Amino acid sequence: MGKEIDVLSKSELRVLTLISAGFTSEAIGLKLEITKSTVQTHRRNMLRKTGFNNTQQLVGWAVREGLLK
């Protein structure tokens, strides 16, 4: 898909890392001290920025690009 690695903000990458670890939006919010709504906004923005249809595609791309361990 030719996504640019630097397309995501640091906050979005923190959220994506926790999503990939299996945390729910609520748990991510508690861990990062942000609201569940903010987590969901980050998720929507990441999908929009990358053009993926779902979080699974987003996480797969991030792993392939070395953004996640």
PDB file of N, CA and C in Angstrom:
ATOM      1  N   MET A   1       0.811  -1.214   0.000  1.00  0.00           N
ATOM      2  CA  MET A   1       0.000   0.000   0.000  1.00  0.00           C
ATOM      3  C   MET A   1       0.846   1.266   0.000  1.00  0.00           C
ATOM      4  N   GLY A   2       2.126   1.169   0.278  1.00  0.00           N
ATOM      5  CA  GLY A   2       2.977   2.337   0.191  1.00  0.00           C
ATOM      6  C   GLY A   2       2.725   3.408   1.235  1.00  0.00           C
ATOM      7  N   LYS A   3       2.372   3.007   2.433  1.00  0.00           N
ATOM      8  CA  LYS A   3       2.122   3.976   3.502  1.00  0.00           C
ATOM      9  C   LYS A   3       3.434   4.568   3.981  1.00  0.00           C
ATOM     10  N   GLU A   4       3.393   5.809   4.393  1.00  0.00           N
ATOM     11  CA  GLU A   4       4.575   6.432   4.972  1.00  0.00           C
ATOM     12  C   GLU A   4       4.607   6.132   6.463  1.00  0.00           C
ATOM     13  N   ILE A   5       5.755   5.690   6.941  1.00  0.00           N
ATOM     14  CA  ILE A   5       5.888   5.300   8.346  1.00  0.00           C
ATOM     15  C   ILE A   5       5.639   6.471   9.278  1.00  0.00           C
ATOM     16  N   ASP A   6       6.043   7.669   8.887  1.00  0.00           N
ATOM     17  CA  ASP A   6       5.901   8.820   9.778  1.00  0.00           C
ATOM     18  C   ASP A   6       4.525   9.467   9.705  1.00  0.00           C
ATOM     19  N   VAL A   7       3.556   8.777   9.131  1.00  0.00           N
ATOM     20  CA  VAL A   7       2.216   9.328   8.991  1.00  0.00           C
ATOM     21  C   VAL A   7       1.484   9.416  10.342  1.00  0.00           C
ATOM     22  N   LEU A   8       1.884   8.602  11.312  1.00  0.00           N
ATOM     23  CA  LEU A   8       1.197   8.571  12.608  1.00  0.00           C
ATOM     24  C   LEU A   8       1.932   9.424  13.642  1.00  0.00           C
ATOM     25  N   SER A   9       1.148  10.074  14.498  1.00  0.00           N
ATOM     26  CA  SER A   9       1.731  10.882  15.570  1.00  0.00           C
ATOM     27  C   SER A   9       2.255   9.973  16.684  1.00  0.00           C
ATOM     28  N   LYS A  10       3.030  10.546  17.580  1.00  0.00           N
ATOM     29  CA  LYS A  10       3.542   9.781  18.724  1.00  0.00           C
ATOM     30  C   LYS A  10       2.397   9.253  19.586  1.00  0.00           C
ATOM     31  N   SER A  11       1.376  10.073  19.776  1.00  0.00           N
ATOM     32  CA  SER A  11       0.218   9.636  20.566  1.00  0.00           C
ATOM     33  C   SER A  11      -0.491   8.470  19.893  1.00  0.00           C
ATOM     34  N   GLU A  12      -0.644   8.562  18.582  1.00  0.00           N
ATOM     35  CA  GLU A  12      -1.294   7.482  17.847  1.00  0.00           C
ATOM     36  C   GLU A  12      -0.471   6.203  17.931  1.00  0.00           C
ATOM     37  N   LEU A  13       0.843   6.318  17.852  1.00  0.00           N
ATOM     38  CA  LEU A  13       1.700   5.134  17.964  1.00  0.00           C
ATOM     39  C   LEU A  13       1.602   4.492  19.343  1.00  0.00           C
ATOM     40  N   ARG A  14       1.490   5.313  20.385  1.00  0.00           N
ATOM     41  CA  ARG A  14       1.318   4.762  21.735  1.00  0.00           C
ATOM     42  C   ARG A  14       0.004   3.979  21.813  1.00  0.00           C
ATOM     43  N   VAL A  15      -1.056   4.560  21.261  1.00  0.00           N
ATOM     44  CA  VAL A  15      -2.354   3.886  21.263  1.00  0.00           C
ATOM     45  C   VAL A  15      -2.272   2.604  20.432  1.00  0.00           C
ATOM     46  N   LEU A  16      -1.654   2.671  19.266  1.00  0.00           N
ATOM     47  CA  LEU A  16      -1.542   1.503  18.389  1.00  0.00           C
ATOM     48  C   LEU A  16      -0.761   0.378  19.063  1.00  0.00           C
ATOM     49  N   THR A  17       0.292   0.726  19.786  1.00  0.00           N
ATOM     50  CA  THR A  17       1.074  -0.280  20.504  1.00  0.00           C
ATOM     51  C   THR A  17       0.196  -1.020  21.509  1.00  0.00           C
ATOM     52  N   LEU A  18      -0.629  -0.292  22.225  1.00  0.00           N
ATOM     53  CA  LEU A  18      -1.507  -0.917  23.220  1.00  0.00           C
ATOM     54  C   LEU A  18      -2.638  -1.701  22.557  1.00  0.00           C
ATOM     55  N   ILE A  19      -3.143  -1.212  21.434  1.00  0.00           N
ATOM     56  CA  ILE A  19      -4.151  -1.966  20.684  1.00  0.00           C
ATOM     57  C   ILE A  19      -3.566  -3.311  20.269  1.00  0.00           C
ATOM     58  N   SER A  20      -2.345  -3.283  19.754  1.00  0.00           N
ATOM     59  CA  SER A  20      -1.712  -4.513  19.281  1.00  0.00           C
ATOM     60  C   SER A  20      -1.445  -5.489  20.422  1.00  0.00           C
ATOM     61  N   ALA A  21      -1.334  -4.966  21.642  1.00  0.00           N
ATOM     62  CA  ALA A  21      -1.120  -5.815  22.820  1.00  0.00           C
ATOM     63  C   ALA A  21      -2.437  -6.362  23.370  1.00  0.00           C
ATOM     64  N   GLY A  22      -3.560  -5.983  22.738  1.00  0.00           N
ATOM     65  CA  GLY A  22      -4.851  -6.528  23.133  1.00  0.00           C
ATOM     66  C   GLY A  22      -5.645  -5.705  24.127  1.00  0.00           C
ATOM     67  N   PHE A  23      -5.196  -4.505  24.431  1.00  0.00           N
ATOM     68  CA  PHE A  23      -5.928  -3.647  25.366  1.00  0.00           C
ATOM     69  C   PHE A  23      -7.193  -3.091  24.712  1.00  0.00           C
ATOM     70  N   THR A  24      -8.245  -2.948  25.493  1.00  0.00           N
ATOM     71  CA  THR A  24      -9.472  -2.316  25.013  1.00  0.00           C
ATOM     72  C   THR A  24      -9.284  -0.800  25.004  1.00  0.00           C
ATOM     73  N   SER A  25     -10.186  -0.116  24.324  1.00  0.00           N
ATOM     74  CA  SER A  25     -10.124   1.353  24.304  1.00  0.00           C
ATOM     75  C   SER A  25     -10.207   1.919  25.717  1.00  0.00           C
ATOM     76  N   GLU A  26     -11.062   1.331  26.539  1.00  0.00           N
ATOM     77  CA  GLU A  26     -11.194   1.804  27.921  1.00  0.00           C
ATOM     78  C   GLU A  26      -9.895   1.597  28.695  1.00  0.00           C
ATOM     79  N   ALA A  27      -9.288   0.429  28.559  1.00  0.00           N
ATOM     80  CA  ALA A  27      -8.034   0.130  29.273  1.00  0.00           C
ATOM     81  C   ALA A  27      -6.891   1.028  28.772  1.00  0.00           C
ATOM     82  N   ILE A  28      -6.865   1.288  27.473  1.00  0.00           N
ATOM     83  CA  ILE A  28      -5.845   2.179  26.913  1.00  0.00           C
ATOM     84  C   ILE A  28      -6.017   3.574  27.493  1.00  0.00           C
ATOM     85  N   GLY A  29      -7.259   4.035  27.557  1.00  0.00           N
ATOM     86  CA  GLY A  29      -7.536   5.349  28.126  1.00  0.00           C
ATOM     87  C   GLY A  29      -7.041   5.460  29.554  1.00  0.00           C
ATOM     88  N   LEU A  30      -7.310   4.440  30.352  1.00  0.00           N
ATOM     89  CA  LEU A  30      -6.863   4.452  31.744  1.00  0.00           C
ATOM     90  C   LEU A  30      -5.336   4.454  31.822  1.00  0.00           C
ATOM     91  N   LYS A  31      -4.706   3.624  31.005  1.00  0.00           N
ATOM     92  CA  LYS A  31      -3.242   3.509  31.037  1.00  0.00           C
ATOM     93  C   LYS A  31      -2.566   4.807  30.601  1.00  0.00           C
ATOM     94  N   LEU A  32      -3.124   5.473  29.572  1.00  0.00           N
ATOM     95  CA  LEU A  32      -2.514   6.696  29.037  1.00  0.00           C
ATOM     96  C   LEU A  32      -3.103   7.972  29.649  1.00  0.00           C
ATOM     97  N   GLU A  33      -4.060   7.787  30.556  1.00  0.00           N
ATOM     98  CA  GLU A  33      -4.730   8.911  31.222  1.00  0.00           C
ATOM     99  C   GLU A  33      -5.404   9.843  30.212  1.00  0.00           C
ATOM    100  N   ILE A  34      -6.123   9.216  29.272  1.00  0.00           N
ATOM    101  CA  ILE A  34      -6.952   9.941  28.306  1.00  0.00           C
ATOM    102  C   ILE A  34      -8.327   9.282  28.312  1.00  0.00           C
ATOM    103  N   THR A  35      -9.298   9.930  27.715  1.00  0.00           N
ATOM    104  CA  THR A  35     -10.637   9.351  27.714  1.00  0.00           C
ATOM    105  C   THR A  35     -10.747   8.247  26.664  1.00  0.00           C
ATOM    106  N   LYS A  36     -11.728   7.376  26.872  1.00  0.00           N
ATOM    107  CA  LYS A  36     -12.015   6.319  25.903  1.00  0.00           C
ATOM    108  C   LYS A  36     -12.342   6.941  24.547  1.00  0.00           C
ATOM    109  N   SER A  37     -13.042   8.053  24.566  1.00  0.00           N
ATOM    110  CA  SER A  37     -13.395   8.761  23.338  1.00  0.00           C
ATOM    111  C   SER A  37     -12.152   9.227  22.584  1.00  0.00           C
ATOM    112  N   THR A  38     -11.143   9.691  23.303  1.00  0.00           N
ATOM    113  CA  THR A  38      -9.896  10.126  22.676  1.00  0.00           C
ATOM    114  C   THR A  38      -9.180   8.933  22.033  1.00  0.00           C
ATOM    115  N   VAL A  39      -9.204   7.799  22.708  1.00  0.00           N
ATOM    116  CA  VAL A  39      -8.606   6.584  22.143  1.00  0.00           C
ATOM    117  C   VAL A  39      -9.315   6.232  20.840  1.00  0.00           C
ATOM    118  N   GLN A  40     -10.632   6.275  20.839  1.00  0.00           N
ATOM    119  CA  GLN A  40     -11.404   5.944  19.639  1.00  0.00           C
ATOM    120  C   GLN A  40     -11.138   6.951  18.518  1.00  0.00           C
ATOM    121  N   THR A  41     -10.940   8.210  18.882  1.00  0.00           N
ATOM    122  CA  THR A  41     -10.592   9.228  17.881  1.00  0.00           C
ATOM    123  C   THR A  41      -9.229   8.929  17.268  1.00  0.00           C
ATOM    124  N   HIS A  42      -8.263   8.564  18.094  1.00  0.00           N
ATOM    125  CA  HIS A  42      -6.939   8.193  17.579  1.00  0.00           C
ATOM    126  C   HIS A  42      -7.063   7.008  16.613  1.00  0.00           C
ATOM    127  N   ARG A  43      -7.858   6.020  16.983  1.00  0.00           N
ATOM    128  CA  ARG A  43      -8.048   4.834  16.144  1.00  0.00           C
ATOM    129  C   ARG A  43      -8.650   5.233  14.792  1.00  0.00           C
ATOM    130  N   ARG A  44      -9.676   6.047  14.820  1.00  0.00           N
ATOM    131  CA  ARG A  44     -10.305   6.529  13.569  1.00  0.00           C
ATOM    132  C   ARG A  44      -9.321   7.312  12.716  1.00  0.00           C
ATOM    133  N   ASN A  45      -8.561   8.187  13.361  1.00  0.00           N
ATOM    134  CA  ASN A  45      -7.593   9.004  12.629  1.00  0.00           C
ATOM    135  C   ASN A  45      -6.499   8.146  11.997  1.00  0.00           C
ATOM    136  N   MET A  46      -6.039   7.118  12.713  1.00  0.00           N
ATOM    137  CA  MET A  46      -5.016   6.238  12.153  1.00  0.00           C
ATOM    138  C   MET A  46      -5.547   5.506  10.925  1.00  0.00           C
ATOM    139  N   LEU A  47      -6.778   5.038  10.994  1.00  0.00           N
ATOM    140  CA  LEU A  47      -7.376   4.350   9.845  1.00  0.00           C
ATOM    141  C   LEU A  47      -7.526   5.309   8.670  1.00  0.00           C
ATOM    142  N   ARG A  48      -7.963   6.521   8.946  1.00  0.00           N
ATOM    143  CA  ARG A  48      -8.139   7.516   7.884  1.00  0.00           C
ATOM    144  C   ARG A  48      -6.797   7.863   7.243  1.00  0.00           C
ATOM    145  N   LYS A  49      -5.785   8.093   8.076  1.00  0.00           N
ATOM    146  CA  LYS A  49      -4.471   8.484   7.569  1.00  0.00           C
ATOM    147  C   LYS A  49      -3.822   7.399   6.714  1.00  0.00           C
ATOM    148  N   THR A  50      -4.030   6.145   7.096  1.00  0.00           N
ATOM    149  CA  THR A  50      -3.373   5.041   6.396  1.00  0.00           C
ATOM    150  C   THR A  50      -4.235   4.453   5.283  1.00  0.00           C
ATOM    151  N   GLY A  51      -5.526   4.716   5.327  1.00  0.00           N
ATOM    152  CA  GLY A  51      -6.413   4.193   4.298  1.00  0.00           C
ATOM    153  C   GLY A  51      -6.864   2.757   4.524  1.00  0.00           C
ATOM    154  N   PHE A  52      -6.567   2.216   5.699  1.00  0.00           N
ATOM    155  CA  PHE A  52      -7.008   0.853   5.993  1.00  0.00           C
ATOM    156  C   PHE A  52      -8.464   0.850   6.429  1.00  0.00           C
ATOM    157  N   ASN A  53      -9.094  -0.324   6.284  1.00  0.00           N
ATOM    158  CA  ASN A  53     -10.508  -0.463   6.616  1.00  0.00           C
ATOM    159  C   ASN A  53     -10.756  -0.897   8.051  1.00  0.00           C
ATOM    160  N   ASN A  54      -9.749  -1.497   8.678  1.00  0.00           N
ATOM    161  CA  ASN A  54      -9.956  -1.983  10.041  1.00  0.00           C
ATOM    162  C   ASN A  54      -8.636  -2.004  10.810  1.00  0.00           C
ATOM    163  N   THR A  55      -8.770  -2.203  12.102  1.00  0.00           N
ATOM    164  CA  THR A  55      -7.613  -2.166  12.996  1.00  0.00           C
ATOM    165  C   THR A  55      -6.662  -3.325  12.722  1.00  0.00           C
ATOM    166  N   GLN A  56      -7.193  -4.473  12.329  1.00  0.00           N
ATOM    167  CA  GLN A  56      -6.337  -5.620  12.038  1.00  0.00           C
ATOM    168  C   GLN A  56      -5.366  -5.299  10.898  1.00  0.00           C
ATOM    169  N   GLN A  57      -5.857  -4.665   9.855  1.00  0.00           N
ATOM    170  CA  GLN A  57      -4.985  -4.267   8.749  1.00  0.00           C
ATOM    171  C   GLN A  57      -3.941  -3.258   9.222  1.00  0.00           C
ATOM    172  N   LEU A  58      -4.379  -2.326  10.036  1.00  0.00           N
ATOM    173  CA  LEU A  58      -3.482  -1.299  10.563  1.00  0.00           C
ATOM    174  C   LEU A  58      -2.359  -1.911  11.385  1.00  0.00           C
ATOM    175  N   VAL A  59      -2.705  -2.830  12.283  1.00  0.00           N
ATOM    176  CA  VAL A  59      -1.703  -3.481  13.129  1.00  0.00           C
ATOM    177  C   VAL A  59      -0.748  -4.317  12.275  1.00  0.00           C
ATOM    178  N   GLY A  60      -1.286  -5.050  11.304  1.00  0.00           N
ATOM    179  CA  GLY A  60      -0.447  -5.856  10.422  1.00  0.00           C
ATOM    180  C   GLY A  60       0.569  -5.000   9.682  1.00  0.00           C
ATOM    181  N   TRP A  61       0.119  -3.861   9.176  1.00  0.00           N
ATOM    182  CA  TRP A  61       1.010  -2.930   8.479  1.00  0.00           C
ATOM    183  C   TRP A  61       2.093  -2.417   9.428  1.00  0.00           C
ATOM    184  N   ALA A  62       1.684  -2.034  10.637  1.00  0.00           N
ATOM    185  CA  ALA A  62       2.637  -1.481  11.604  1.00  0.00           C
ATOM    186  C   ALA A  62       3.698  -2.506  11.970  1.00  0.00           C
ATOM    187  N   VAL A  63       3.316  -3.783  12.074  1.00  0.00           N
ATOM    188  CA  VAL A  63       4.287  -4.848  12.375  1.00  0.00           C
ATOM    189  C   VAL A  63       5.254  -4.995  11.215  1.00  0.00           C
ATOM    190  N   ARG A  64       4.720  -5.071   9.986  1.00  0.00           N
ATOM    191  CA  ARG A  64       5.581  -5.229   8.806  1.00  0.00           C
ATOM    192  C   ARG A  64       6.552  -4.077   8.644  1.00  0.00           C
ATOM    193  N   GLU A  65       6.133  -2.867   9.018  1.00  0.00           N
ATOM    194  CA  GLU A  65       6.980  -1.686   8.891  1.00  0.00           C
ATOM    195  C   GLU A  65       7.941  -1.509  10.067  1.00  0.00           C
ATOM    196  N   GLY A  66       7.830  -2.386  11.053  1.00  0.00           N
ATOM    197  CA  GLY A  66       8.735  -2.306  12.205  1.00  0.00           C
ATOM    198  C   GLY A  66       8.337  -1.249  13.229  1.00  0.00           C
ATOM    199  N   LEU A  67       7.097  -0.796  13.160  1.00  0.00           N
ATOM    200  CA  LEU A  67       6.633   0.206  14.123  1.00  0.00           C
ATOM    201  C   LEU A  67       6.268  -0.442  15.458  1.00  0.00           C
ATOM    202  N   LEU A  68       5.944  -1.710  15.411  1.00  0.00           N
ATOM    203  CA  LEU A  68       5.574  -2.479  16.618  1.00  0.00           C
ATOM    204  C   LEU A  68       6.523  -3.641  16.756  1.00  0.00           C
ATOM    205  N   LYS A  69       6.771  -4.027  17.980  1.00  0.00           N
ATOM    206  CA  LYS A  69       7.670  -5.166  18.226  1.00  0.00           C
ATOM    207  C   LYS A  69       6.876  -6.434  18.436  1.00  0.00           C
TER     208      LYS A  69
END
